[in-house]
Protein backbone atom coordinates (compact mmCIF):
# COMPACT_ATOMS: atom_id res chain seq x y z
CA UNK A 1 19.35 44.36 -7.44
CA UNK A 2 17.74 45.07 -4.21
CA UNK A 3 15.88 41.65 -4.28
CA UNK A 4 19.00 39.71 -5.17
CA UNK A 5 20.81 40.96 -1.91
CA UNK A 6 17.75 40.26 0.39
CA UNK A 7 17.54 36.70 -1.25
CA UNK A 8 21.11 36.35 -0.37
CA UNK A 9 21.20 37.59 2.90
CA UNK A 10 18.23 35.10 3.73
CA UNK A 11 19.95 32.12 2.27
CA UNK A 12 22.99 32.96 4.34
CA UNK A 13 20.82 33.15 7.43
CA UNK A 14 19.17 29.60 6.81
CA UNK A 15 22.48 27.78 6.22
CA UNK A 16 23.80 29.45 9.69
CA UNK A 17 21.01 27.90 11.33
CA UNK A 18 21.93 24.22 10.15
CA UNK A 19 24.22 22.69 12.64
CA UNK A 20 27.70 21.57 11.24
CA UNK A 21 27.77 18.24 12.56
CA UNK A 22 24.49 17.00 10.91
CA UNK A 23 24.92 13.83 8.74
CA UNK A 24 23.11 13.71 5.42
CA UNK A 25 22.01 10.40 3.81
CA UNK A 26 24.86 8.78 2.37
CA UNK A 27 27.24 10.13 4.60
CA UNK A 28 29.31 8.01 7.23
CA UNK A 29 30.78 4.52 6.63
CA UNK A 30 28.67 1.96 5.06
CA UNK A 31 27.09 -0.73 7.41
CA UNK A 32 29.20 -4.31 7.13
CA UNK A 33 27.45 -6.54 4.91
CA UNK A 34 26.36 -8.81 7.84
CA UNK A 35 24.84 -5.86 9.48
CA UNK A 36 22.63 -4.78 6.28
CA UNK A 37 19.07 -5.62 6.48
CA UNK A 38 16.70 -6.39 3.38
CA UNK A 39 14.22 -3.76 3.73
CA UNK A 40 13.94 -3.13 0.45
CA UNK A 41 10.67 -4.61 -1.25
CA UNK A 42 10.80 -7.17 -4.21
CA UNK A 43 10.36 -5.34 -7.50
CA UNK A 44 6.53 -5.39 -8.59
CA UNK A 45 7.42 -4.27 -12.12
CA UNK A 46 5.89 -6.39 -14.88
CA UNK A 47 8.41 -8.04 -16.99
CA UNK A 48 8.71 -10.15 -20.06
CA UNK A 49 10.36 -12.97 -17.76
CA UNK A 50 7.19 -12.84 -15.82
CA UNK A 51 6.97 -11.28 -12.10
CA UNK A 52 5.05 -12.90 -9.62
CA UNK A 53 4.96 -10.00 -7.51
CA UNK A 54 3.75 -7.63 -10.03
CA UNK A 55 0.45 -5.79 -9.43
CA UNK A 56 -1.43 -8.09 -12.12
CA UNK A 57 0.01 -11.29 -10.73
CA UNK A 58 -1.23 -10.37 -7.26
CA UNK A 59 -4.85 -9.50 -8.67
CA UNK A 60 -4.89 -12.80 -10.37
CA UNK A 61 -3.75 -14.71 -6.92
CA UNK A 62 -0.40 -15.87 -8.32
CA UNK A 63 1.87 -16.95 -5.30
CA UNK A 64 5.16 -15.02 -4.96
CA UNK A 65 7.40 -17.93 -5.13
CA UNK A 66 6.13 -18.83 -8.43
CA UNK A 67 8.83 -19.64 -11.24
CA UNK A 68 8.91 -20.63 -14.88
CA UNK A 69 8.85 -24.21 -15.68
CA UNK A 70 9.43 -25.47 -19.32
CA UNK A 71 10.49 -23.47 -21.96
CA UNK A 72 8.49 -20.30 -23.62
CA UNK A 73 6.13 -20.86 -26.44
CA UNK A 74 5.21 -18.14 -28.83
CA UNK A 75 2.02 -16.63 -30.40
CA UNK A 76 2.78 -15.74 -34.18
CA UNK A 77 0.46 -13.51 -36.18
CA UNK A 78 1.05 -13.37 -40.06
CA UNK A 79 4.44 -14.71 -39.40
CA UNK A 80 5.49 -11.99 -36.66
CA UNK A 81 5.91 -13.16 -33.19
CA UNK A 82 3.29 -11.02 -31.05
CA UNK A 83 3.38 -12.55 -27.61
CA UNK A 84 5.36 -15.23 -25.24
CA UNK A 85 3.63 -17.70 -23.26
CA UNK A 86 5.16 -19.21 -20.44
CA UNK A 87 3.96 -21.46 -17.48
CA UNK A 88 4.97 -21.07 -13.66
CA UNK A 89 4.63 -23.26 -10.82
CA UNK A 90 4.27 -22.36 -7.12
CA UNK A 91 6.06 -24.77 -4.66
CA UNK A 92 4.26 -23.13 -1.78
CA UNK A 93 0.59 -23.15 -2.99
CA UNK A 94 1.09 -26.28 -5.34
CA UNK A 95 -0.18 -24.45 -8.43
CA UNK A 96 0.55 -23.79 -11.94
CA UNK A 97 -0.26 -20.53 -13.81
CA UNK A 98 -0.38 -19.57 -17.45
CA UNK A 99 1.51 -16.36 -18.44
CA UNK A 100 1.21 -14.28 -21.74
CA UNK A 101 3.57 -11.18 -22.30
CA UNK A 102 2.27 -9.24 -25.53
CA UNK A 103 5.33 -7.54 -27.40
CA UNK A 104 6.01 -3.89 -27.49
CA UNK A 105 6.15 -4.33 -31.50
CA UNK A 106 2.77 -5.63 -31.61
CA UNK A 107 1.27 -3.27 -29.02
CA UNK A 108 2.62 -0.19 -31.00
CA UNK A 109 1.23 -1.67 -34.36
CA UNK A 110 -2.46 -2.31 -33.38
CA UNK A 111 -5.08 -0.67 -31.32
CA UNK A 112 -6.60 -2.58 -28.82
CA UNK A 113 -6.76 -6.79 -28.78
CA UNK A 114 -8.19 -9.33 -26.82
CA UNK A 115 -5.95 -12.01 -24.72
CA UNK A 116 -6.72 -14.97 -23.13
CA UNK A 117 -4.27 -16.84 -20.57
CA UNK A 118 -4.36 -20.46 -19.08
CA UNK A 119 -2.72 -23.86 -18.26
CA UNK A 120 -3.69 -26.72 -20.59
CA UNK A 121 -3.99 -30.06 -18.90
CA UNK A 122 -3.15 -32.80 -21.24
CA UNK A 123 -4.59 -35.57 -18.65
CA UNK A 124 -8.08 -33.68 -18.90
CA UNK A 125 -7.87 -32.12 -22.31
CA UNK A 126 -9.03 -28.86 -20.75
CA UNK A 127 -8.00 -25.31 -20.46
CA UNK A 128 -8.02 -24.44 -16.68
CA UNK A 129 -7.74 -21.23 -14.61
CA UNK A 130 -8.47 -19.13 -17.86
CA UNK A 131 -8.64 -15.43 -17.93
CA UNK A 132 -9.78 -13.37 -20.62
CA UNK A 133 -9.54 -9.60 -21.50
CA UNK A 134 -11.12 -7.64 -24.45
CA UNK A 135 -10.19 -4.41 -25.60
CA UNK A 136 -7.25 -4.21 -23.77
CA UNK A 137 -3.64 -2.69 -24.70
CA UNK A 138 -2.10 -4.13 -21.56
CA UNK A 139 1.06 -6.08 -21.99
CA UNK A 140 1.11 -8.96 -18.69
CA UNK A 141 -1.63 -11.63 -18.53
CA UNK A 142 -1.74 -14.12 -15.71
CA UNK A 143 -4.38 -17.03 -15.39
CA UNK A 144 -5.69 -18.30 -12.24
CA UNK A 145 -3.96 -20.98 -10.28
CA UNK A 146 -4.61 -24.53 -11.25
CA UNK A 147 -4.15 -27.60 -9.16
CA UNK A 148 -2.27 -29.33 -12.00
CA UNK A 149 0.99 -30.01 -10.68
CA UNK A 150 0.52 -34.09 -10.76
CA UNK A 151 -0.54 -33.76 -14.53
CA UNK A 152 1.20 -32.92 -17.66
CA UNK A 153 0.43 -29.13 -18.58
CA UNK A 154 1.65 -26.23 -20.84
CA UNK A 155 0.86 -22.60 -20.48
CA UNK A 156 -1.86 -21.79 -23.14
CA UNK A 157 -2.38 -18.03 -24.30
CA UNK A 158 -4.31 -16.19 -27.32
CA UNK A 159 -4.38 -12.71 -29.01
CA UNK A 160 -6.79 -11.54 -31.36
CA UNK A 161 -6.34 -7.91 -32.74
CA UNK A 162 -9.06 -5.69 -33.57
CA UNK A 163 -10.71 -6.75 -36.75
CA UNK A 164 -9.14 -10.11 -36.93
CA UNK A 165 -11.79 -12.78 -37.23
CA UNK A 166 -10.24 -15.45 -34.93
CA UNK A 167 -7.45 -15.27 -32.51
CA UNK A 168 -3.90 -16.86 -32.58
CA UNK A 169 -2.66 -18.78 -30.11
CA UNK A 170 0.71 -20.32 -28.45
CA UNK A 171 1.61 -22.78 -25.78
CA UNK A 172 4.74 -23.35 -23.71
CA UNK A 173 6.38 -26.69 -23.41
CA UNK A 174 4.67 -29.76 -22.21
CA UNK A 175 5.60 -30.29 -18.52
CA UNK A 176 5.07 -33.37 -16.61
């Protein structure tokens, strides 16, 4: 009981030292919408939609203004969809990127797996900007940028579960 009285007295003294006119965060009127600044950074979280500001995108050199072009393709294994495949375009960098997002249902069902992400050029009949990952359990995979904006292209991706003899693949729609 004696410790409780001492603690209460110390707490009361501490509150007495705080000036009454101090503003706390969030108190006072909000600034007008025109006076607000956008100091918050863009989200860097990975996303099924593809986030060019994510850590993996930055490591791959994806330009932050990249956006999806064409429609999403899918990678299927034994009739089940296991990944999405997209193609992105950056106007400021003049590059295309492949993007693969591995679905949670697949990740939770298997151990590790191998993934590739690339851009397929119809004009060259080549897979370009390809990145490969082996024995991974990651979810977000970006290719390198490719200078293919004047060509017909598609995002390309493969996934191979541990123990499978060959990968399964998918493509986004053809984009010219």
